[in-house]
Amino acid sequence: MSAVKNNSKLYIKILFIFIAVLLVIITVVLFVLPEIYDQQCRTRFNTELDSQIDGSVLMANICVVRYEETTNGNTTNFSYSLGASGVIFDKQQNTYYALTAYHVVSDPKENTKFLIQPYGTLPYSQSNENGRHLSLEEYYGQFPFAKVEYFDESCDLAVISFRISEELGVLDIAEYNAEKNTEIVVISNPEGKKFVRTYGTVTSDSPIMFSGNDGQSANLAVQHDAYVAPGSSGSAVLCFNNGKAEIVGINIGGGTNFMGKFQYGAMIPCQQINLFLSNWSSMR
């Protein structure tokens, strides 16, 4: 009889150990590993790529800020978004043309406009004039408005233009899609931060259907593991060909787990971008 009781206690002990180990494994898989991966993608650094990023590459990147006016009686209020991203691909006289994601500039209200902050702009917290801190209206009033020239929801791309006297950079668009494992860099404005560089590789062999759950239609996109977050939409995915920076994709979103930890970025590949721009040219 005592042997049966001892066996029962042993079985119960083994069961508790099994449950404890299982809970540890579940915790690691669901919480620890995604956190580690998120941090790896945020902080990953590529010395070789970074050494090739010069001023002309940086100056081709922009921040797209949504500006909205609301009137309540005799009071007019102004609001400014944290900003999304874009990249300049052409210049005609003093007009620059940039690519961004369509959902960044889609469905603007009558009182909504888009401001362009070029690379190197001082943040609002550091803005001053003759020792006086600028108001929000004064700070954002120094930036040019953007015009939406062309868009296509089916590939979540848009061309915007703006005029500025400052000399900015212009980047070429690659001719062929980047292959899997191609090393890339993304320069974007995630979570309110400006012109952050993140590094990674292309992780998918070919475009797959991607839906960002933002009300837009699903798009064919290529996945990568360079960190992106809200604000990175519209940013360029860059690789270097013989030391020259080329646009191999435009970010339109990414995937996260149930805790919001980064899993992958999604970009429209360059061959689709070139087709989009070809369609625009044929309509001009």
C-alpha atoms as a PDB file:
ATOM      1  CA  MET A   1       0.000   0.000   0.000  1.00  0.00           C
ATOM      2  CA  SER A   2       2.821   2.376   0.883  1.00  0.00           C
ATOM      3  CA  ALA A   3       4.463   1.615  -2.441  1.00  0.00           C
ATOM      4  CA  VAL A   4       1.313   2.736  -4.282  1.00  0.00           C
ATOM      5  CA  LYS A   5       1.213   5.972  -2.276  1.00  0.00           C
ATOM      6  CA  ASN A   6       4.860   6.641  -2.970  1.00  0.00           C
ATOM      7  CA  ASN A   7       4.299   6.047  -6.694  1.00  0.00           C
ATOM      8  CA  SER A   8       1.340   8.423  -6.648  1.00  0.00           C
ATOM      9  CA  LYS A   9       3.414  11.129  -4.969  1.00  0.00           C
ATOM     10  CA  LEU A  10       6.185  10.553  -7.502  1.00  0.00           C
ATOM     11  CA  TYR A  11       3.752  10.857 -10.414  1.00  0.00           C
ATOM     12  CA  ILE A  12       2.300  14.061  -8.973  1.00  0.00           C
ATOM     13  CA  LYS A  13       5.792  15.474  -8.460  1.00  0.00           C
ATOM     14  CA  ILE A  14       6.758  14.608 -12.035  1.00  0.00           C
ATOM     15  CA  LEU A  15       3.525  16.193 -13.293  1.00  0.00           C
ATOM     16  CA  PHE A  16       4.225  19.424 -11.397  1.00  0.00           C
ATOM     17  CA  ILE A  17       7.777  19.513 -12.765  1.00  0.00           C
ATOM     18  CA  PHE A  18       6.475  18.916 -16.295  1.00  0.00           C
ATOM     19  CA  ILE A  19       3.901  21.723 -15.938  1.00  0.00           C
ATOM     20  CA  ALA A  20       6.546  24.080 -14.509  1.00  0.00           C
ATOM     21  CA  VAL A  21       8.961  23.323 -17.362  1.00  0.00           C
ATOM     22  CA  LEU A  22       6.157  23.736 -19.898  1.00  0.00           C
ATOM     23  CA  LEU A  23       5.218  27.123 -18.412  1.00  0.00           C
ATOM     24  CA  VAL A  24       8.848  28.236 -18.563  1.00  0.00           C
ATOM     25  CA  ILE A  25       9.073  27.193 -22.219  1.00  0.00           C
ATOM     26  CA  ILE A  26       5.815  29.006 -23.072  1.00  0.00           C
ATOM     27  CA  THR A  27       7.005  32.135 -21.256  1.00  0.00           C
ATOM     28  CA  VAL A  28      10.311  32.096 -23.113  1.00  0.00           C
ATOM     29  CA  VAL A  29       8.676  31.524 -26.509  1.00  0.00           C
ATOM     30  CA  LEU A  30       5.876  34.079 -26.057  1.00  0.00           C
ATOM     31  CA  PHE A  31       7.649  36.822 -24.117  1.00  0.00           C
ATOM     32  CA  VAL A  32      11.430  36.481 -23.843  1.00  0.00           C
ATOM     33  CA  LEU A  33      12.435  35.499 -27.398  1.00  0.00           C
ATOM     34  CA  PRO A  34      10.264  38.174 -29.116  1.00  0.00           C
ATOM     35  CA  GLU A  35      11.756  40.822 -26.786  1.00  0.00           C
ATOM     36  CA  ILE A  36      15.292  39.672 -27.596  1.00  0.00           C
ATOM     37  CA  TYR A  37      14.566  39.641 -31.349  1.00  0.00           C
ATOM     38  CA  ASP A  38      12.976  43.101 -31.167  1.00  0.00           C
ATOM     39  CA  GLN A  39      16.057  44.499 -29.427  1.00  0.00           C
ATOM     40  CA  GLN A  40      18.402  42.788 -31.866  1.00  0.00           C
ATOM     41  CA  CYS A  41      16.631  44.357 -34.834  1.00  0.00           C
ATOM     42  CA  ARG A  42      16.522  47.788 -33.161  1.00  0.00           C
ATOM     43  CA  THR A  43      20.216  47.835 -32.323  1.00  0.00           C
ATOM     44  CA  ARG A  44      21.781  45.759 -35.125  1.00  0.00           C
ATOM     45  CA  PHE A  45      24.686  47.614 -36.743  1.00  0.00           C
ATOM     46  CA  ASN A  46      26.418  47.049 -40.069  1.00  0.00           C
ATOM     47  CA  THR A  47      29.820  48.720 -40.134  1.00  0.00           C
ATOM     48  CA  GLU A  48      30.377  48.219 -43.863  1.00  0.00           C
ATOM     49  CA  LEU A  49      27.037  49.701 -44.879  1.00  0.00           C
ATOM     50  CA  ASP A  50      27.301  52.533 -42.385  1.00  0.00           C
ATOM     51  CA  SER A  51      30.688  53.583 -43.773  1.00  0.00           C
ATOM     52  CA  GLN A  52      29.079  54.124 -47.189  1.00  0.00           C
ATOM     53  CA  ILE A  53      26.295  56.411 -45.964  1.00  0.00           C
ATOM     54  CA  ASP A  54      27.481  59.922 -46.771  1.00  0.00           C
ATOM     55  CA  GLY A  55      25.807  63.302 -46.583  1.00  0.00           C
ATOM     56  CA  SER A  56      24.170  63.060 -50.000  1.00  0.00           C
ATOM     57  CA  VAL A  57      22.452  59.813 -48.963  1.00  0.00           C
ATOM     58  CA  LEU A  58      21.223  61.273 -45.682  1.00  0.00           C
ATOM     59  CA  MET A  59      20.018  64.497 -47.319  1.00  0.00           C
ATOM     60  CA  ALA A  60      17.726  62.519 -49.653  1.00  0.00           C
ATOM     61  CA  ASN A  61      15.570  61.442 -46.694  1.00  0.00           C
ATOM     62  CA  ILE A  62      12.629  63.497 -45.446  1.00  0.00           C
ATOM     63  CA  CYS A  63      10.044  63.512 -42.682  1.00  0.00           C
ATOM     64  CA  VAL A  64       6.409  63.993 -43.758  1.00  0.00           C
ATOM     65  CA  VAL A  65       4.344  65.765 -41.080  1.00  0.00           C
ATOM     66  CA  ARG A  66       0.561  65.869 -41.230  1.00  0.00           C
ATOM     67  CA  TYR A  67      -0.714  69.379 -40.359  1.00  0.00           C
ATOM     68  CA  GLU A  68      -4.348  70.038 -39.535  1.00  0.00           C
ATOM     69  CA  GLU A  69      -6.340  73.132 -38.628  1.00  0.00           C
ATOM     70  CA  THR A  70      -9.560  72.949 -36.618  1.00  0.00           C
ATOM     71  CA  THR A  71     -11.796  75.919 -35.851  1.00  0.00           C
ATOM     72  CA  ASN A  72     -13.988  76.141 -32.776  1.00  0.00           C
ATOM     73  CA  GLY A  73     -15.845  79.444 -32.733  1.00  0.00           C
ATOM     74  CA  ASN A  74     -13.234  82.185 -32.918  1.00  0.00           C
ATOM     75  CA  THR A  75     -10.405  79.830 -31.969  1.00  0.00           C
ATOM     76  CA  THR A  76      -8.218  78.013 -34.488  1.00  0.00           C
ATOM     77  CA  ASN A  77      -6.208  75.061 -33.277  1.00  0.00           C
ATOM     78  CA  PHE A  78      -3.252  73.499 -35.037  1.00  0.00           C
ATOM     79  CA  SER A  79      -2.096  69.898 -34.730  1.00  0.00           C
ATOM     80  CA  TYR A  80       1.023  68.230 -36.065  1.00  0.00           C
ATOM     81  CA  SER A  81       1.732  64.522 -36.364  1.00  0.00           C
ATOM     82  CA  LEU A  82       4.978  62.921 -35.194  1.00  0.00           C
ATOM     83  CA  GLY A  83       5.756  62.370 -38.859  1.00  0.00           C
ATOM     84  CA  ALA A  84       6.162  59.594 -41.400  1.00  0.00           C
ATOM     85  CA  SER A  85       8.956  59.068 -43.923  1.00  0.00           C
ATOM     86  CA  GLY A  86       9.883  59.588 -47.558  1.00  0.00           C
ATOM     87  CA  VAL A  87      12.855  59.664 -49.927  1.00  0.00           C
ATOM     88  CA  ILE A  88      13.769  62.012 -52.776  1.00  0.00           C
ATOM     89  CA  PHE A  89      14.262  60.388 -56.183  1.00  0.00           C
ATOM     90  CA  ASP A  90      14.212  63.370 -58.582  1.00  0.00           C
ATOM     91  CA  LYS A  91      14.741  67.122 -58.816  1.00  0.00           C
ATOM     92  CA  GLN A  92      13.521  69.554 -61.469  1.00  0.00           C
ATOM     93  CA  GLN A  93      14.914  73.074 -60.940  1.00  0.00           C
ATOM     94  CA  ASN A  94      13.994  73.880 -57.309  1.00  0.00           C
ATOM     95  CA  THR A  95      11.239  71.263 -57.066  1.00  0.00           C
ATOM     96  CA  TYR A  96      11.993  67.930 -55.415  1.00  0.00           C
ATOM     97  CA  TYR A  97      10.008  64.759 -56.003  1.00  0.00           C
ATOM     98  CA  ALA A  98       9.831  62.119 -53.298  1.00  0.00           C
ATOM     99  CA  LEU A  99       8.322  58.684 -52.814  1.00  0.00           C
ATOM    100  CA  THR A 100       6.292  57.787 -49.753  1.00  0.00           C
ATOM    101  CA  ALA A 101       3.569  55.317 -48.829  1.00  0.00           C
ATOM    102  CA  TYR A 102       0.118  56.240 -50.107  1.00  0.00           C
ATOM    103  CA  HIS A 103      -1.478  55.679 -46.703  1.00  0.00           C
ATOM    104  CA  VAL A 104       0.779  58.426 -45.310  1.00  0.00           C
ATOM    105  CA  VAL A 105      -0.932  61.065 -47.483  1.00  0.00           C
ATOM    106  CA  SER A 106      -4.276  59.380 -48.241  1.00  0.00           C
ATOM    107  CA  ASP A 107      -7.693  60.969 -47.790  1.00  0.00           C
ATOM    108  CA  PRO A 108      -6.551  64.371 -46.568  1.00  0.00           C
ATOM    109  CA  LYS A 109      -9.302  66.595 -45.245  1.00  0.00           C
ATOM    110  CA  GLU A 110      -9.783  70.055 -46.693  1.00  0.00           C
ATOM    111  CA  ASN A 111      -7.944  71.574 -43.720  1.00  0.00           C
ATOM    112  CA  THR A 112      -5.144  68.984 -43.734  1.00  0.00           C
ATOM    113  CA  LYS A 113      -1.783  69.589 -45.358  1.00  0.00           C
ATOM    114  CA  PHE A 114       1.615  67.920 -45.312  1.00  0.00           C
ATOM    115  CA  LEU A 115       4.862  69.576 -44.290  1.00  0.00           C
ATOM    116  CA  ILE A 116       8.333  68.408 -45.296  1.00  0.00           C
ATOM    117  CA  GLN A 117      11.175  68.344 -42.778  1.00  0.00           C
ATOM    118  CA  PRO A 118      14.553  67.723 -44.460  1.00  0.00           C
ATOM    119  CA  TYR A 119      17.377  65.786 -42.860  1.00  0.00           C
ATOM    120  CA  GLY A 120      19.335  67.822 -40.328  1.00  0.00           C
ATOM    121  CA  THR A 121      16.375  69.872 -39.113  1.00  0.00           C
ATOM    122  CA  LEU A 122      16.682  70.820 -35.460  1.00  0.00           C
ATOM    123  CA  PRO A 123      13.939  69.283 -33.299  1.00  0.00           C
ATOM    124  CA  TYR A 124      11.280  71.589 -31.910  1.00  0.00           C
ATOM    125  CA  SER A 125      12.768  71.344 -28.412  1.00  0.00           C
ATOM    126  CA  GLN A 126      15.993  72.929 -29.700  1.00  0.00           C
ATOM    127  CA  SER A 127      14.447  75.570 -31.948  1.00  0.00           C
ATOM    128  CA  ASN A 128      15.098  79.219 -31.162  1.00  0.00           C
ATOM    129  CA  GLU A 129      15.418  82.602 -32.800  1.00  0.00           C
ATOM    130  CA  ASN A 130      17.577  85.262 -31.190  1.00  0.00           C
ATOM    131  CA  GLY A 131      17.539  83.281 -27.974  1.00  0.00           C
ATOM    132  CA  ARG A 132      13.750  82.916 -27.953  1.00  0.00           C
ATOM    133  CA  HIS A 133      12.123  79.497 -28.150  1.00  0.00           C
ATOM    134  CA  LEU A 134       9.835  79.239 -31.175  1.00  0.00           C
ATOM    135  CA  SER A 135       6.137  78.489 -30.901  1.00  0.00           C
ATOM    136  CA  LEU A 136       4.801  75.413 -32.680  1.00  0.00           C
ATOM    137  CA  GLU A 137       3.307  77.585 -35.414  1.00  0.00           C
ATOM    138  CA  GLU A 138       6.611  79.417 -35.934  1.00  0.00           C
ATOM    139  CA  TYR A 139       8.627  76.199 -35.911  1.00  0.00           C
ATOM    140  CA  TYR A 140       6.500  74.311 -38.426  1.00  0.00           C
ATOM    141  CA  GLY A 141       5.915  77.466 -40.470  1.00  0.00           C
ATOM    142  CA  GLN A 142       9.488  77.288 -41.767  1.00  0.00           C
ATOM    143  CA  PHE A 143       8.875  74.053 -43.670  1.00  0.00           C
ATOM    144  CA  PRO A 144       7.463  73.735 -47.211  1.00  0.00           C
ATOM    145  CA  PHE A 145       4.099  72.166 -47.986  1.00  0.00           C
ATOM    146  CA  ALA A 146       3.983  69.019 -50.086  1.00  0.00           C
ATOM    147  CA  LYS A 147       1.754  68.388 -53.074  1.00  0.00           C
ATOM    148  CA  VAL A 148       0.487  64.885 -53.819  1.00  0.00           C
ATOM    149  CA  GLU A 149       1.337  64.406 -57.500  1.00  0.00           C
ATOM    150  CA  TYR A 150       0.292  60.799 -58.049  1.00  0.00           C
ATOM    151  CA  PHE A 151      -0.685  57.719 -56.065  1.00  0.00           C
ATOM    152  CA  ASP A 152      -1.767  54.125 -56.486  1.00  0.00           C
ATOM    153  CA  GLU A 153      -3.521  52.370 -53.620  1.00  0.00           C
ATOM    154  CA  SER A 154      -2.901  48.951 -55.185  1.00  0.00           C
ATOM    155  CA  CYS A 155       0.808  49.264 -54.366  1.00  0.00           C
ATOM    156  CA  ASP A 156       0.483  51.803 -51.506  1.00  0.00           C
ATOM    157  CA  LEU A 157       2.795  54.295 -53.205  1.00  0.00           C
ATOM    158  CA  ALA A 158       2.598  58.040 -53.725  1.00  0.00           C
ATOM    159  CA  VAL A 159       4.727  60.737 -55.339  1.00  0.00           C
ATOM    160  CA  ILE A 160       4.850  64.070 -53.528  1.00  0.00           C
ATOM    161  CA  SER A 161       6.605  67.263 -54.554  1.00  0.00           C
ATOM    162  CA  PHE A 162       7.829  70.297 -52.654  1.00  0.00           C
ATOM    163  CA  ARG A 163       9.928  73.367 -53.275  1.00  0.00           C
ATOM    164  CA  ILE A 164      12.832  74.406 -51.109  1.00  0.00           C
ATOM    165  CA  SER A 165      15.945  76.527 -51.689  1.00  0.00           C
ATOM    166  CA  GLU A 166      18.094  74.168 -49.627  1.00  0.00           C
ATOM    167  CA  GLU A 167      20.235  71.694 -51.559  1.00  0.00           C
ATOM    168  CA  LEU A 168      19.033  68.192 -50.780  1.00  0.00           C
ATOM    169  CA  GLY A 169      20.063  64.726 -51.964  1.00  0.00           C
ATOM    170  CA  VAL A 170      18.586  62.571 -54.733  1.00  0.00           C
ATOM    171  CA  LEU A 171      18.804  58.774 -54.829  1.00  0.00           C
ATOM    172  CA  ASP A 172      18.417  56.423 -57.775  1.00  0.00           C
ATOM    173  CA  ILE A 173      15.987  53.525 -57.803  1.00  0.00           C
ATOM    174  CA  ALA A 174      17.496  50.095 -58.412  1.00  0.00           C
ATOM    175  CA  GLU A 175      16.555  48.272 -61.599  1.00  0.00           C
ATOM    176  CA  TYR A 176      16.200  44.774 -60.150  1.00  0.00           C
ATOM    177  CA  ASN A 177      14.635  43.528 -56.920  1.00  0.00           C
ATOM    178  CA  ALA A 178      17.026  42.743 -54.106  1.00  0.00           C
ATOM    179  CA  GLU A 179      17.613  39.041 -53.603  1.00  0.00           C
ATOM    180  CA  LYS A 180      17.108  37.229 -50.320  1.00  0.00           C
ATOM    181  CA  ASN A 181      19.910  37.923 -47.779  1.00  0.00           C
ATOM    182  CA  THR A 182      20.847  41.231 -49.447  1.00  0.00           C
ATOM    183  CA  GLU A 183      22.166  43.592 -46.761  1.00  0.00           C
ATOM    184  CA  ILE A 184      20.040  46.716 -46.385  1.00  0.00           C
ATOM    185  CA  VAL A 185      19.699  49.908 -44.383  1.00  0.00           C
ATOM    186  CA  VAL A 186      16.506  51.811 -43.598  1.00  0.00           C
ATOM    187  CA  ILE A 187      16.563  55.516 -42.731  1.00  0.00           C
ATOM    188  CA  SER A 188      13.208  56.451 -41.223  1.00  0.00           C
ATOM    189  CA  ASN A 189      11.341  58.330 -38.513  1.00  0.00           C
ATOM    190  CA  PRO A 190      10.011  55.637 -36.165  1.00  0.00           C
ATOM    191  CA  GLU A 191       7.951  56.495 -33.094  1.00  0.00           C
ATOM    192  CA  GLY A 192       8.676  60.215 -33.302  1.00  0.00           C
ATOM    193  CA  LYS A 193      12.440  59.824 -33.626  1.00  0.00           C
ATOM    194  CA  LYS A 194      14.059  61.442 -36.634  1.00  0.00           C
ATOM    195  CA  PHE A 195      16.219  59.817 -39.330  1.00  0.00           C
ATOM    196  CA  VAL A 196      17.089  56.655 -37.469  1.00  0.00           C
ATOM    197  CA  ARG A 197      19.255  54.088 -39.275  1.00  0.00           C
ATOM    198  CA  THR A 198      18.422  50.414 -38.902  1.00  0.00           C
ATOM    199  CA  TYR A 199      20.162  47.504 -40.590  1.00  0.00           C
ATOM    200  CA  GLY A 200      19.162  44.038 -41.720  1.00  0.00           C
ATOM    201  CA  THR A 201      18.668  41.788 -44.718  1.00  0.00           C
ATOM    202  CA  VAL A 202      15.950  40.905 -47.203  1.00  0.00           C
ATOM    203  CA  THR A 203      14.271  37.791 -45.772  1.00  0.00           C
ATOM    204  CA  SER A 204      11.806  36.680 -48.475  1.00  0.00           C
ATOM    205  CA  ASP A 205      12.528  35.171 -51.875  1.00  0.00           C
ATOM    206  CA  SER A 206       9.679  36.939 -53.672  1.00  0.00           C
ATOM    207  CA  PRO A 207       6.813  39.351 -52.981  1.00  0.00           C
ATOM    208  CA  ILE A 208       3.924  38.069 -50.848  1.00  0.00           C
ATOM    209  CA  MET A 209       0.536  39.557 -50.016  1.00  0.00           C
ATOM    210  CA  PHE A 210       0.714  42.014 -47.111  1.00  0.00           C
ATOM    211  CA  SER A 211      -2.113  43.834 -45.373  1.00  0.00           C
ATOM    212  CA  GLY A 212      -1.334  46.453 -42.777  1.00  0.00           C
ATOM    213  CA  ASN A 213      -4.892  46.485 -41.397  1.00  0.00           C
ATOM    214  CA  ASP A 214      -4.991  50.228 -42.066  1.00  0.00           C
ATOM    215  CA  GLY A 215      -8.065  50.247 -44.272  1.00  0.00           C
ATOM    216  CA  GLN A 216      -6.015  50.035 -47.459  1.00  0.00           C
ATOM    217  CA  SER A 217      -6.057  47.129 -49.875  1.00  0.00           C
ATOM    218  CA  ALA A 218      -3.543  44.276 -49.523  1.00  0.00           C
ATOM    219  CA  ASN A 219      -0.278  44.762 -51.407  1.00  0.00           C
ATOM    220  CA  LEU A 220       2.471  42.565 -52.799  1.00  0.00           C
ATOM    221  CA  ALA A 221       5.469  43.243 -50.575  1.00  0.00           C
ATOM    222  CA  VAL A 222       8.905  41.861 -49.761  1.00  0.00           C
ATOM    223  CA  GLN A 223       9.850  41.169 -46.146  1.00  0.00           C
ATOM    224  CA  HIS A 224      13.049  42.223 -44.363  1.00  0.00           C
ATOM    225  CA  ASP A 225      14.338  42.354 -40.793  1.00  0.00           C
ATOM    226  CA  ALA A 226      15.577  45.965 -40.513  1.00  0.00           C
ATOM    227  CA  TYR A 227      13.589  47.498 -37.646  1.00  0.00           C
ATOM    228  CA  VAL A 228      10.585  49.632 -38.605  1.00  0.00           C
ATOM    229  CA  ALA A 229       7.774  51.078 -36.511  1.00  0.00           C
ATOM    230  CA  PRO A 230       4.941  53.610 -36.858  1.00  0.00           C
ATOM    231  CA  GLY A 231       6.551  56.573 -38.634  1.00  0.00           C
ATOM    232  CA  SER A 232       8.724  54.376 -40.855  1.00  0.00           C
ATOM    233  CA  SER A 233       6.016  54.150 -43.521  1.00  0.00           C
ATOM    234  CA  GLY A 234       7.244  55.633 -46.778  1.00  0.00           C
ATOM    235  CA  SER A 235      10.930  55.275 -45.957  1.00  0.00           C
ATOM    236  CA  ALA A 236      13.451  53.887 -48.413  1.00  0.00           C
ATOM    237  CA  VAL A 237      15.108  50.518 -48.098  1.00  0.00           C
ATOM    238  CA  LEU A 238      18.633  51.023 -49.426  1.00  0.00           C
ATOM    239  CA  CYS A 239      21.406  48.748 -50.580  1.00  0.00           C
ATOM    240  CA  PHE A 240      24.766  49.644 -52.101  1.00  0.00           C
ATOM    241  CA  ASN A 241      25.845  48.633 -55.589  1.00  0.00           C
ATOM    242  CA  ASN A 242      29.535  49.290 -56.227  1.00  0.00           C
ATOM    243  CA  GLY A 243      29.500  51.804 -53.401  1.00  0.00           C
ATOM    244  CA  LYS A 244      26.438  53.643 -54.716  1.00  0.00           C
ATOM    245  CA  ALA A 245      23.242  53.815 -52.664  1.00  0.00           C
ATOM    246  CA  GLU A 246      20.118  52.630 -54.480  1.00  0.00           C
ATOM    247  CA  ILE A 247      16.476  52.422 -53.457  1.00  0.00           C
ATOM    248  CA  VAL A 248      15.432  48.761 -53.492  1.00  0.00           C
ATOM    249  CA  GLY A 249      12.107  49.264 -51.726  1.00  0.00           C
ATOM    250  CA  ILE A 250       9.672  51.593 -49.984  1.00  0.00           C
ATOM    251  CA  ASN A 251       8.420  50.519 -46.559  1.00  0.00           C
ATOM    252  CA  ILE A 252       4.647  50.271 -46.211  1.00  0.00           C
ATOM    253  CA  GLY A 253       4.418  48.527 -42.830  1.00  0.00           C
ATOM    254  CA  GLY A 254       5.489  45.471 -40.930  1.00  0.00           C
ATOM    255  CA  GLY A 255       4.452  42.658 -38.633  1.00  0.00           C
ATOM    256  CA  THR A 256       4.379  42.544 -34.834  1.00  0.00           C
ATOM    257  CA  ASN A 257       3.383  39.926 -32.297  1.00  0.00           C
ATOM    258  CA  PHE A 258       0.488  40.245 -29.843  1.00  0.00           C
ATOM    259  CA  MET A 259       2.690  42.370 -27.547  1.00  0.00           C
ATOM    260  CA  GLY A 260       3.619  44.755 -30.338  1.00  0.00           C
ATOM    261  CA  LYS A 261       7.172  43.457 -30.675  1.00  0.00           C
ATOM    262  CA  PHE A 262       8.761  43.753 -34.117  1.00  0.00           C
ATOM    263  CA  GLN A 263       8.736  40.673 -36.334  1.00  0.00           C
ATOM    264  CA  TYR A 264       9.383  41.920 -39.895  1.00  0.00           C
ATOM    265  CA  GLY A 265       9.244  44.911 -42.206  1.00  0.00           C
ATOM    266  CA  ALA A 266       7.312  44.988 -45.498  1.00  0.00           C
ATOM    267  CA  MET A 267       8.454  46.950 -48.550  1.00  0.00           C
ATOM    268  CA  ILE A 268       7.235  47.511 -52.081  1.00  0.00           C
ATOM    269  CA  PRO A 269      10.141  46.250 -54.243  1.00  0.00           C
ATOM    270  CA  CYS A 270      11.913  48.465 -56.747  1.00  0.00           C
ATOM    271  CA  GLN A 271      10.581  46.790 -59.885  1.00  0.00           C
ATOM    272  CA  GLN A 272       7.048  47.607 -58.714  1.00  0.00           C
ATOM    273  CA  ILE A 273       8.195  51.145 -57.895  1.00  0.00           C
ATOM    274  CA  ASN A 274       9.610  51.594 -61.396  1.00  0.00           C
ATOM    275  CA  LEU A 275       6.353  50.354 -62.921  1.00  0.00           C
ATOM    276  CA  PHE A 276       4.432  52.772 -60.700  1.00  0.00           C
ATOM    277  CA  LEU A 277       6.615  55.680 -61.830  1.00  0.00           C
ATOM    278  CA  SER A 278       6.324  54.586 -65.462  1.00  0.00           C
ATOM    279  CA  ASN A 279       2.533  54.722 -65.151  1.00  0.00           C
ATOM    280  CA  TRP A 280       2.806  58.186 -63.636  1.00  0.00           C
ATOM    281  CA  SER A 281       5.042  59.380 -66.491  1.00  0.00           C
ATOM    282  CA  SER A 282       2.596  58.119 -69.085  1.00  0.00           C
ATOM    283  CA  MET A 283      -0.177  60.202 -67.503  1.00  0.00           C
ATOM    284  CA  ARG A 284       1.750  63.468 -67.195  1.00  0.00           C
END
